[in-house]
Every structure is written in structure tokens, then in C-alpha cells.
Amino acid sequence: MFGERMPDVERWVLLGVIDERWRDHLHEIDILKEGIYLRAYAQKDPLLEYKGEAFRMFEEIMSAVEADTVKRLFRVVPARPAAPTAAAAESAGPWNSARR
């Protein structure tokens, strides 16, 4: 369907998904940082809890990136070049030989 342009399409879709998911991940990490100290009240080491929770969140983002990339690649539709119309030919300006 895309021919030689397919690697470019895949690259752009993957970069878009990674960008979106990474921003969400950083926001979730900030929220985790704000509340991790509460685990000390439960006699748990906040640093170990943070590391474990952050790693779990990272694994989730990786699987979400794979799933979202596949979904979006299957939904990509190639744009068709517009056929020249009479209105486009008239708006070509002084270079249009029909207007001279």
C-alpha cells in the first residue's frame, strides 16, 4: 500500500506513540514521587517501593507502546493526491496559458 514509504510511516507512528506514552509516564512518575513517602508508615522502604513501582510502570508503558503502535499502523490510510480541477487550473495565476 505504501511501498517504499512504509518504513517512514512506521517510524512516524512509533515516534508519535512513544512521545505520547512517555509524557504520560513522566506525569505518573511525578505522582508516584509525591506519594511514595506514605509507604514508610507501613514500615516499607520508600526507595525500594519506588524502584519496584517505577519498574512495573515502565514495563506497562513498553507493552502499551507496542499495542498502540500496532493499532495505529492498522488504521493508517494513505492520502490520495488531489486530481486537478477546473477551479485549480483557473487559480494558477499568470502562468496559466488559458488566461493569456
PDB file of N, CA and C in Angstrom:
ATOM      1  N   MET A   1       0.827  -1.184   0.000  1.00  0.00           N
ATOM      2  CA  MET A   1       0.000   0.000   0.000  1.00  0.00           C
ATOM      3  C   MET A   1       0.876   1.255   0.000  1.00  0.00           C
ATOM      4  N   PHE A   2       1.903   1.305   0.848  1.00  0.00           N
ATOM      5  CA  PHE A   2       2.775   2.472   0.920  1.00  0.00           C
ATOM      6  C   PHE A   2       4.064   2.278   0.137  1.00  0.00           C
ATOM      7  N   GLY A   3       4.399   1.039  -0.151  1.00  0.00           N
ATOM      8  CA  GLY A   3       5.604   0.763  -0.916  1.00  0.00           C
ATOM      9  C   GLY A   3       6.863   1.178  -0.184  1.00  0.00           C
ATOM     10  N   GLU A   4       7.659   1.991  -0.835  1.00  0.00           N
ATOM     11  CA  GLU A   4       8.944   2.411  -0.282  1.00  0.00           C
ATOM     12  C   GLU A   4       8.785   3.328   0.932  1.00  0.00           C
ATOM     13  N   ARG A   5       7.630   3.926   1.097  1.00  0.00           N
ATOM     14  CA  ARG A   5       7.416   4.881   2.190  1.00  0.00           C
ATOM     15  C   ARG A   5       6.990   4.208   3.495  1.00  0.00           C
ATOM     16  N   MET A   6       6.758   2.915   3.474  1.00  0.00           N
ATOM     17  CA  MET A   6       6.281   2.231   4.674  1.00  0.00           C
ATOM     18  C   MET A   6       7.221   2.361   5.866  1.00  0.00           C
ATOM     19  N   PRO A   7       8.537   2.226   5.704  1.00  0.00           N
ATOM     20  CA  PRO A   7       9.424   2.428   6.867  1.00  0.00           C
ATOM     21  C   PRO A   7       9.284   3.823   7.478  1.00  0.00           C
ATOM     22  N   ASP A   8       9.072   4.836   6.627  1.00  0.00           N
ATOM     23  CA  ASP A   8       8.868   6.191   7.142  1.00  0.00           C
ATOM     24  C   ASP A   8       7.567   6.290   7.922  1.00  0.00           C
ATOM     25  N   VAL A   9       6.520   5.668   7.407  1.00  0.00           N
ATOM     26  CA  VAL A   9       5.226   5.669   8.098  1.00  0.00           C
ATOM     27  C   VAL A   9       5.360   4.966   9.447  1.00  0.00           C
ATOM     28  N   GLU A  10       6.011   3.826   9.462  1.00  0.00           N
ATOM     29  CA  GLU A  10       6.206   3.086  10.715  1.00  0.00           C
ATOM     30  C   GLU A  10       6.992   3.923  11.718  1.00  0.00           C
ATOM     31  N   ARG A  11       8.032   4.582  11.237  1.00  0.00           N
ATOM     32  CA  ARG A  11       8.871   5.401  12.112  1.00  0.00           C
ATOM     33  C   ARG A  11       8.055   6.536  12.732  1.00  0.00           C
ATOM     34  N   TRP A  12       7.257   7.240  11.914  1.00  0.00           N
ATOM     35  CA  TRP A  12       6.475   8.360  12.428  1.00  0.00           C
ATOM     36  C   TRP A  12       5.401   7.899  13.410  1.00  0.00           C
ATOM     37  N   VAL A  13       4.765   6.796  13.115  1.00  0.00           N
ATOM     38  CA  VAL A  13       3.745   6.279  14.034  1.00  0.00           C
ATOM     39  C   VAL A  13       4.392   5.871  15.352  1.00  0.00           C
ATOM     40  N   LEU A  14       5.501   5.157  15.288  1.00  0.00           N
ATOM     41  CA  LEU A  14       6.189   4.726  16.507  1.00  0.00           C
ATOM     42  C   LEU A  14       6.658   5.923  17.331  1.00  0.00           C
ATOM     43  N   LEU A  15       7.242   6.922  16.688  1.00  0.00           N
ATOM     44  CA  LEU A  15       7.695   8.104  17.413  1.00  0.00           C
ATOM     45  C   LEU A  15       6.536   8.845  18.066  1.00  0.00           C
ATOM     46  N   GLY A  16       5.416   8.927  17.388  1.00  0.00           N
ATOM     47  CA  GLY A  16       4.246   9.584  17.963  1.00  0.00           C
ATOM     48  C   GLY A  16       3.721   8.859  19.186  1.00  0.00           C
ATOM     49  N   VAL A  17       3.671   7.533  19.099  1.00  0.00           N
ATOM     50  CA  VAL A  17       3.193   6.733  20.234  1.00  0.00           C
ATOM     51  C   VAL A  17       4.162   6.838  21.410  1.00  0.00           C
ATOM     52  N   ILE A  18       5.450   6.730  21.138  1.00  0.00           N
ATOM     53  CA  ILE A  18       6.448   6.831  22.212  1.00  0.00           C
ATOM     54  C   ILE A  18       6.365   8.201  22.884  1.00  0.00           C
ATOM     55  N   ASP A  19       6.254   9.246  22.092  1.00  0.00           N
ATOM     56  CA  ASP A  19       6.174  10.594  22.646  1.00  0.00           C
ATOM     57  C   ASP A  19       4.965  10.746  23.566  1.00  0.00           C
ATOM     58  N   GLU A  20       3.823  10.298  23.097  1.00  0.00           N
ATOM     59  CA  GLU A  20       2.596  10.411  23.887  1.00  0.00           C
ATOM     60  C   GLU A  20       2.684   9.593  25.171  1.00  0.00           C
ATOM     61  N   ARG A  21       3.100   8.351  25.059  1.00  0.00           N
ATOM     62  CA  ARG A  21       3.193   7.473  26.238  1.00  0.00           C
ATOM     63  C   ARG A  21       4.275   7.929  27.214  1.00  0.00           C
ATOM     64  N   TRP A  22       5.387   8.459  26.701  1.00  0.00           N
ATOM     65  CA  TRP A  22       6.465   8.887  27.581  1.00  0.00           C
ATOM     66  C   TRP A  22       6.026  10.097  28.416  1.00  0.00           C
ATOM     67  N   ARG A  23       5.291  11.041  27.788  1.00  0.00           N
ATOM     68  CA  ARG A  23       4.781  12.178  28.548  1.00  0.00           C
ATOM     69  C   ARG A  23       3.844  11.711  29.655  1.00  0.00           C
ATOM     70  N   ASP A  24       2.968  10.752  29.340  1.00  0.00           N
ATOM     71  CA  ASP A  24       2.072  10.199  30.360  1.00  0.00           C
ATOM     72  C   ASP A  24       2.864   9.503  31.465  1.00  0.00           C
ATOM     73  N   HIS A  25       3.894   8.783  31.092  1.00  0.00           N
ATOM     74  CA  HIS A  25       4.721   8.066  32.057  1.00  0.00           C
ATOM     75  C   HIS A  25       5.420   9.046  33.007  1.00  0.00           C
ATOM     76  N   LEU A  26       5.967  10.119  32.472  1.00  0.00           N
ATOM     77  CA  LEU A  26       6.637  11.096  33.322  1.00  0.00           C
ATOM     78  C   LEU A  26       5.660  11.748  34.301  1.00  0.00           C
ATOM     79  N   HIS A  27       4.447  11.986  33.847  1.00  0.00           N
ATOM     80  CA  HIS A  27       3.422  12.534  34.743  1.00  0.00           C
ATOM     81  C   HIS A  27       3.099  11.538  35.854  1.00  0.00           C
ATOM     82  N   GLU A  28       2.960  10.272  35.509  1.00  0.00           N
ATOM     83  CA  GLU A  28       2.673   9.246  36.515  1.00  0.00           C
ATOM     84  C   GLU A  28       3.842   9.087  37.502  1.00  0.00           C
ATOM     85  N   ILE A  29       5.062   9.217  37.028  1.00  0.00           N
ATOM     86  CA  ILE A  29       6.231   9.136  37.913  1.00  0.00           C
ATOM     87  C   ILE A  29       6.220  10.300  38.911  1.00  0.00           C
ATOM     88  N   ASP A  30       5.850  11.487  38.441  1.00  0.00           N
ATOM     89  CA  ASP A  30       5.753  12.631  39.352  1.00  0.00           C
ATOM     90  C   ASP A  30       4.720  12.375  40.445  1.00  0.00           C
ATOM     91  N   ILE A  31       3.595  11.797  40.072  1.00  0.00           N
ATOM     92  CA  ILE A  31       2.561  11.467  41.057  1.00  0.00           C
ATOM     93  C   ILE A  31       3.081  10.421  42.040  1.00  0.00           C
ATOM     94  N   LEU A  32       3.809   9.435  41.529  1.00  0.00           N
ATOM     95  CA  LEU A  32       4.387   8.406  42.396  1.00  0.00           C
ATOM     96  C   LEU A  32       5.366   9.025  43.395  1.00  0.00           C
ATOM     97  N   LYS A  33       6.202   9.953  42.924  1.00  0.00           N
ATOM     98  CA  LYS A  33       7.177  10.605  43.805  1.00  0.00           C
ATOM     99  C   LYS A  33       6.487  11.344  44.950  1.00  0.00           C
ATOM    100  N   GLU A  34       5.354  11.974  44.631  1.00  0.00           N
ATOM    101  CA  GLU A  34       4.640  12.746  45.650  1.00  0.00           C
ATOM    102  C   GLU A  34       4.082  11.870  46.769  1.00  0.00           C
ATOM    103  N   GLY A  35       3.672  10.655  46.451  1.00  0.00           N
ATOM    104  CA  GLY A  35       3.005   9.831  47.448  1.00  0.00           C
ATOM    105  C   GLY A  35       3.806   8.669  47.987  1.00  0.00           C
ATOM    106  N   ILE A  36       5.021   8.466  47.520  1.00  0.00           N
ATOM    107  CA  ILE A  36       5.786   7.278  47.912  1.00  0.00           C
ATOM    108  C   ILE A  36       6.183   7.306  49.383  1.00  0.00           C
ATOM    109  N   TYR A  37       6.342   8.499  49.966  1.00  0.00           N
ATOM    110  CA  TYR A  37       6.762   8.584  51.369  1.00  0.00           C
ATOM    111  C   TYR A  37       5.726   7.978  52.314  1.00  0.00           C
ATOM    112  N   LEU A  38       4.478   7.892  51.870  1.00  0.00           N
ATOM    113  CA  LEU A  38       3.436   7.319  52.718  1.00  0.00           C
ATOM    114  C   LEU A  38       3.671   5.838  52.995  1.00  0.00           C
ATOM    115  N   ARG A  39       4.434   5.195  52.158  1.00  0.00           N
ATOM    116  CA  ARG A  39       4.698   3.770  52.367  1.00  0.00           C
ATOM    117  C   ARG A  39       5.620   3.539  53.558  1.00  0.00           C
ATOM    118  N   ALA A  40       6.322   4.571  53.982  1.00  0.00           N
ATOM    119  CA  ALA A  40       7.167   4.453  55.172  1.00  0.00           C
ATOM    120  C   ALA A  40       6.313   4.203  56.409  1.00  0.00           C
ATOM    121  N   TYR A  41       5.084   4.707  56.418  1.00  0.00           N
ATOM    122  CA  TYR A  41       4.175   4.460  57.545  1.00  0.00           C
ATOM    123  C   TYR A  41       3.815   2.985  57.654  1.00  0.00           C
ATOM    124  N   ALA A  42       3.894   2.270  56.540  1.00  0.00           N
ATOM    125  CA  ALA A  42       3.597   0.831  56.531  1.00  0.00           C
ATOM    126  C   ALA A  42       4.870   0.007  56.765  1.00  0.00           C
ATOM    127  N   GLN A  43       5.919   0.654  57.264  1.00  0.00           N
ATOM    128  CA  GLN A  43       7.201   0.008  57.563  1.00  0.00           C
ATOM    129  C   GLN A  43       7.845  -0.596  56.313  1.00  0.00           C
ATOM    130  N   LYS A  44       7.672   0.074  55.187  1.00  0.00           N
ATOM    131  CA  LYS A  44       8.308  -0.360  53.940  1.00  0.00           C
ATOM    132  C   LYS A  44       9.318   0.700  53.531  1.00  0.00           C
ATOM    133  N   ASP A  45      10.411   0.255  52.947  1.00  0.00           N
ATOM    134  CA  ASP A  45      11.451   1.179  52.489  1.00  0.00           C
ATOM    135  C   ASP A  45      10.939   1.939  51.266  1.00  0.00           C
ATOM    136  N   PRO A  46      10.774   3.275  51.359  1.00  0.00           N
ATOM    137  CA  PRO A  46      10.237   4.047  50.233  1.00  0.00           C
ATOM    138  C   PRO A  46      11.078   3.932  48.963  1.00  0.00           C
ATOM    139  N   LEU A  47      12.395   3.843  49.106  1.00  0.00           N
ATOM    140  CA  LEU A  47      13.251   3.744  47.925  1.00  0.00           C
ATOM    141  C   LEU A  47      13.017   2.433  47.179  1.00  0.00           C
ATOM    142  N   LEU A  48      12.957   1.328  47.915  1.00  0.00           N
ATOM    143  CA  LEU A  48      12.689   0.031  47.277  1.00  0.00           C
ATOM    144  C   LEU A  48      11.290   0.001  46.667  1.00  0.00           C
ATOM    145  N   GLU A  49      10.332   0.581  47.355  1.00  0.00           N
ATOM    146  CA  GLU A  49       8.970   0.638  46.831  1.00  0.00           C
ATOM    147  C   GLU A  49       8.913   1.469  45.554  1.00  0.00           C
ATOM    148  N   TYR A  50       9.625   2.593  45.547  1.00  0.00           N
ATOM    149  CA  TYR A  50       9.662   3.457  44.372  1.00  0.00           C
ATOM    150  C   TYR A  50      10.280   2.741  43.182  1.00  0.00           C
ATOM    151  N   LYS A  51      11.414   2.075  43.431  1.00  0.00           N
ATOM    152  CA  LYS A  51      12.087   1.352  42.347  1.00  0.00           C
ATOM    153  C   LYS A  51      11.185   0.266  41.761  1.00  0.00           C
ATOM    154  N   GLY A  52      10.543  -0.493  42.629  1.00  0.00           N
ATOM    155  CA  GLY A  52       9.675  -1.569  42.164  1.00  0.00           C
ATOM    156  C   GLY A  52       8.467  -1.055  41.402  1.00  0.00           C
ATOM    157  N   GLU A  53       7.837  -0.027  41.940  1.00  0.00           N
ATOM    158  CA  GLU A  53       6.658   0.548  41.286  1.00  0.00           C
ATOM    159  C   GLU A  53       7.029   1.207  39.960  1.00  0.00           C
ATOM    160  N   ALA A  54       8.154   1.929  39.918  1.00  0.00           N
ATOM    161  CA  ALA A  54       8.590   2.591  38.691  1.00  0.00           C
ATOM    162  C   ALA A  54       8.928   1.561  37.612  1.00  0.00           C
ATOM    163  N   PHE A  55       9.548   0.460  38.006  1.00  0.00           N
ATOM    164  CA  PHE A  55       9.872  -0.582  37.030  1.00  0.00           C
ATOM    165  C   PHE A  55       8.605  -1.217  36.473  1.00  0.00           C
ATOM    166  N   ARG A  56       7.632  -1.461  37.331  1.00  0.00           N
ATOM    167  CA  ARG A  56       6.354  -2.018  36.880  1.00  0.00           C
ATOM    168  C   ARG A  56       5.670  -1.056  35.899  1.00  0.00           C
ATOM    169  N   MET A  57       5.716   0.231  36.220  1.00  0.00           N
ATOM    170  CA  MET A  57       5.113   1.233  35.337  1.00  0.00           C
ATOM    171  C   MET A  57       5.837   1.289  33.991  1.00  0.00           C
ATOM    172  N   PHE A  58       7.161   1.141  34.017  1.00  0.00           N
ATOM    173  CA  PHE A  58       7.931   1.154  32.766  1.00  0.00           C
ATOM    174  C   PHE A  58       7.584  -0.056  31.904  1.00  0.00           C
ATOM    175  N   GLU A  59       7.432  -1.225  32.526  1.00  0.00           N
ATOM    176  CA  GLU A  59       7.038  -2.410  31.760  1.00  0.00           C
ATOM    177  C   GLU A  59       5.666  -2.211  31.120  1.00  0.00           C
ATOM    178  N   GLU A  60       4.767  -1.548  31.838  1.00  0.00           N
ATOM    179  CA  GLU A  60       3.437  -1.269  31.291  1.00  0.00           C
ATOM    180  C   GLU A  60       3.524  -0.333  30.094  1.00  0.00           C
ATOM    181  N   ILE A  61       4.374   0.689  30.190  1.00  0.00           N
ATOM    182  CA  ILE A  61       4.493   1.631  29.079  1.00  0.00           C
ATOM    183  C   ILE A  61       5.062   0.930  27.850  1.00  0.00           C
ATOM    184  N   MET A  62       6.002   0.017  28.042  1.00  0.00           N
ATOM    185  CA  MET A  62       6.584  -0.685  26.902  1.00  0.00           C
ATOM    186  C   MET A  62       5.548  -1.545  26.183  1.00  0.00           C
ATOM    187  N   SER A  63       4.732  -2.255  26.936  1.00  0.00           N
ATOM    188  CA  SER A  63       3.699  -3.076  26.287  1.00  0.00           C
ATOM    189  C   SER A  63       2.624  -2.194  25.658  1.00  0.00           C
ATOM    190  N   ALA A  64       2.322  -1.047  26.288  1.00  0.00           N
ATOM    191  CA  ALA A  64       1.331  -0.132  25.717  1.00  0.00           C
ATOM    192  C   ALA A  64       1.844   0.487  24.421  1.00  0.00           C
ATOM    193  N   VAL A  65       3.139   0.784  24.351  1.00  0.00           N
ATOM    194  CA  VAL A  65       3.723   1.340  23.120  1.00  0.00           C
ATOM    195  C   VAL A  65       3.594   0.328  21.991  1.00  0.00           C
ATOM    196  N   GLU A  66       3.895  -0.918  22.268  1.00  0.00           N
ATOM    197  CA  GLU A  66       3.768  -1.955  21.234  1.00  0.00           C
ATOM    198  C   GLU A  66       2.325  -2.077  20.759  1.00  0.00           C
ATOM    199  N   ALA A  67       1.394  -2.155  21.699  1.00  0.00           N
ATOM    200  CA  ALA A  67      -0.019  -2.332  21.330  1.00  0.00           C
ATOM    201  C   ALA A  67      -0.554  -1.122  20.571  1.00  0.00           C
ATOM    202  N   ASP A  68      -0.256   0.092  21.046  1.00  0.00           N
ATOM    203  CA  ASP A  68      -0.745   1.296  20.382  1.00  0.00           C
ATOM    204  C   ASP A  68      -0.141   1.468  18.997  1.00  0.00           C
ATOM    205  N   THR A  69       1.130   1.107  18.855  1.00  0.00           N
ATOM    206  CA  THR A  69       1.773   1.227  17.543  1.00  0.00           C
ATOM    207  C   THR A  69       1.097   0.316  16.529  1.00  0.00           C
ATOM    208  N   VAL A  70       0.832  -0.906  16.921  1.00  0.00           N
ATOM    209  CA  VAL A  70       0.173  -1.840  16.008  1.00  0.00           C
ATOM    210  C   VAL A  70      -1.229  -1.343  15.659  1.00  0.00           C
ATOM    211  N   LYS A  71      -1.976  -0.864  16.661  1.00  0.00           N
ATOM    212  CA  LYS A  71      -3.327  -0.349  16.397  1.00  0.00           C
ATOM    213  C   LYS A  71      -3.287   0.794  15.397  1.00  0.00           C
ATOM    214  N   ARG A  72      -2.382   1.736  15.624  1.00  0.00           N
ATOM    215  CA  ARG A  72      -2.322   2.904  14.744  1.00  0.00           C
ATOM    216  C   ARG A  72      -1.820   2.546  13.352  1.00  0.00           C
ATOM    217  N   LEU A  73      -0.898   1.606  13.259  1.00  0.00           N
ATOM    218  CA  LEU A  73      -0.424   1.214  11.924  1.00  0.00           C
ATOM    219  C   LEU A  73      -1.534   0.572  11.104  1.00  0.00           C
ATOM    220  N   PHE A  74      -2.406  -0.179  11.760  1.00  0.00           N
ATOM    221  CA  PHE A  74      -3.504  -0.792  11.024  1.00  0.00           C
ATOM    222  C   PHE A  74      -4.577   0.218  10.638  1.00  0.00           C
ATOM    223  N   ARG A  75      -4.556   1.381  11.253  1.00  0.00           N
ATOM    224  CA  ARG A  75      -5.550   2.411  10.951  1.00  0.00           C
ATOM    225  C   ARG A  75      -5.044   3.484  10.005  1.00  0.00           C
ATOM    226  N   VAL A  76      -3.782   3.420   9.634  1.00  0.00           N
ATOM    227  CA  VAL A  76      -3.216   4.424   8.736  1.00  0.00           C
ATOM    228  C   VAL A  76      -3.803   4.245   7.349  1.00  0.00           C
ATOM    229  N   VAL A  77      -4.250   5.357   6.790  1.00  0.00           N
ATOM    230  CA  VAL A  77      -4.815   5.346   5.444  1.00  0.00           C
ATOM    231  C   VAL A  77      -3.978   6.299   4.599  1.00  0.00           C
ATOM    232  N   PRO A  78      -3.483   5.829   3.456  1.00  0.00           N
ATOM    233  CA  PRO A  78      -2.668   6.721   2.624  1.00  0.00           C
ATOM    234  C   PRO A  78      -3.517   7.840   2.026  1.00  0.00           C
ATOM    235  N   ALA A  79      -2.942   9.018   1.959  1.00  0.00           N
ATOM    236  CA  ALA A  79      -3.629  10.156   1.350  1.00  0.00           C
ATOM    237  C   ALA A  79      -3.535  10.027  -0.159  1.00  0.00           C
ATOM    238  N   ARG A  80      -4.625  10.298  -0.789  1.00  0.00           N
ATOM    239  CA  ARG A  80      -4.642  10.240  -2.258  1.00  0.00           C
ATOM    240  C   ARG A  80      -4.333  11.624  -2.807  1.00  0.00           C
ATOM    241  N   PRO A  81      -3.509  11.702  -3.824  1.00  0.00           N
ATOM    242  CA  PRO A  81      -3.228  13.019  -4.396  1.00  0.00           C
ATOM    243  C   PRO A  81      -4.495  13.578  -5.034  1.00  0.00           C
ATOM    244  N   ALA A  82      -4.699  14.864  -4.847  1.00  0.00           N
ATOM    245  CA  ALA A  82      -5.894  15.510  -5.387  1.00  0.00           C
ATOM    246  C   ALA A  82      -5.781  15.620  -6.904  1.00  0.00           C
ATOM    247  N   ALA A  83      -6.854  15.306  -7.563  1.00  0.00           N
ATOM    248  CA  ALA A  83      -6.895  15.433  -9.019  1.00  0.00           C
ATOM    249  C   ALA A  83      -7.071  16.903  -9.378  1.00  0.00           C
ATOM    250  N   PRO A  84      -6.387  17.364 -10.404  1.00  0.00           N
ATOM    251  CA  PRO A  84      -6.539  18.768 -10.795  1.00  0.00           C
ATOM    252  C   PRO A  84      -7.966  19.030 -11.274  1.00  0.00           C
ATOM    253  N   THR A  85      -8.512  20.142 -10.821  1.00  0.00           N
ATOM    254  CA  THR A  85      -9.879  20.505 -11.202  1.00  0.00           C
ATOM    255  C   THR A  85      -9.840  21.757 -12.049  1.00  0.00           C
ATOM    256  N   ALA A  86     -10.971  22.110 -12.598  1.00  0.00           N
ATOM    257  CA  ALA A  86     -11.057  23.324 -13.422  1.00  0.00           C
ATOM    258  C   ALA A  86     -10.788  24.554 -12.567  1.00  0.00           C
ATOM    259  N   ALA A  87     -11.263  24.555 -11.340  1.00  0.00           N
ATOM    260  CA  ALA A  87     -11.045  25.697 -10.452  1.00  0.00           C
ATOM    261  C   ALA A  87      -9.556  25.847 -10.137  1.00  0.00           C
ATOM    262  N   ALA A  88      -8.851  24.746  -9.976  1.00  0.00           N
ATOM    263  CA  ALA A  88      -7.420  24.816  -9.699  1.00  0.00           C
ATOM    264  C   ALA A  88      -6.668  25.344 -10.914  1.00  0.00           C
ATOM    265  N   ALA A  89      -7.109  24.980 -12.095  1.00  0.00           N
ATOM    266  CA  ALA A  89      -6.457  25.452 -13.312  1.00  0.00           C
ATOM    267  C   ALA A  89      -6.663  26.951 -13.483  1.00  0.00           C
ATOM    268  N   GLU A  90      -7.837  27.464 -13.108  1.00  0.00           N
ATOM    269  CA  GLU A  90      -8.108  28.892 -13.222  1.00  0.00           C
ATOM    270  C   GLU A  90      -7.323  29.695 -12.196  1.00  0.00           C
ATOM    271  N   SER A  91      -7.066  29.093 -11.046  1.00  0.00           N
ATOM    272  CA  SER A  91      -6.365  29.828  -9.992  1.00  0.00           C
ATOM    273  C   SER A  91      -4.848  29.710 -10.119  1.00  0.00           C
ATOM    274  N   ALA A  92      -4.364  29.198 -11.239  1.00  0.00           N
ATOM    275  CA  ALA A  92      -2.927  29.027 -11.415  1.00  0.00           C
ATOM    276  C   ALA A  92      -2.222  30.350 -11.605  1.00  0.00           C
ATOM    277  N   GLY A  93      -2.948  31.410 -11.831  1.00  0.00           N
ATOM    278  CA  GLY A  93      -2.359  32.737 -11.936  1.00  0.00           C
ATOM    279  C   GLY A  93      -1.844  33.031 -13.339  1.00  0.00           C
ATOM    280  N   PRO A  94      -0.868  33.896 -13.450  1.00  0.00           N
ATOM    281  CA  PRO A  94      -0.389  34.321 -14.767  1.00  0.00           C
ATOM    282  C   PRO A  94       0.320  33.223 -15.547  1.00  0.00           C
ATOM    283  N   TRP A  95       0.644  32.129 -14.904  1.00  0.00           N
ATOM    284  CA  TRP A  95       1.338  31.038 -15.590  1.00  0.00           C
ATOM    285  C   TRP A  95       0.381  30.167 -16.368  1.00  0.00           C
ATOM    286  N   ASN A  96      -0.897  30.363 -16.194  1.00  0.00           N
ATOM    287  CA  ASN A  96      -1.902  29.573 -16.891  1.00  0.00           C
ATOM    288  C   ASN A  96      -2.031  30.127 -18.302  1.00  0.00           C
ATOM    289  N   SER A  97      -1.747  29.291 -19.283  1.00  0.00           N
ATOM    290  CA  SER A  97      -1.763  29.745 -20.671  1.00  0.00           C
ATOM    291  C   SER A  97      -3.165  30.051 -21.170  1.00  0.00           C
ATOM    292  N   ALA A  98      -4.208  29.502 -20.546  1.00  0.00           N
ATOM    293  CA  ALA A  98      -5.583  29.722 -20.991  1.00  0.00           C
ATOM    294  C   ALA A  98      -6.025  31.159 -20.690  1.00  0.00           C
ATOM    295  N   ARG A  99      -5.406  31.821 -19.730  1.00  0.00           N
ATOM    296  CA  ARG A  99      -5.826  33.158 -19.323  1.00  0.00           C
ATOM    297  C   ARG A  99      -5.154  34.243 -20.163  1.00  0.00           C
ATOM    298  N   ARG A 100      -4.155  33.945 -20.960  1.00  0.00           N
ATOM    299  CA  ARG A 100      -3.421  34.969 -21.697  1.00  0.00           C
ATOM    300  C   ARG A 100      -4.100  35.373 -22.936  1.00  0.00           C
TER     301      ARG A 100
END
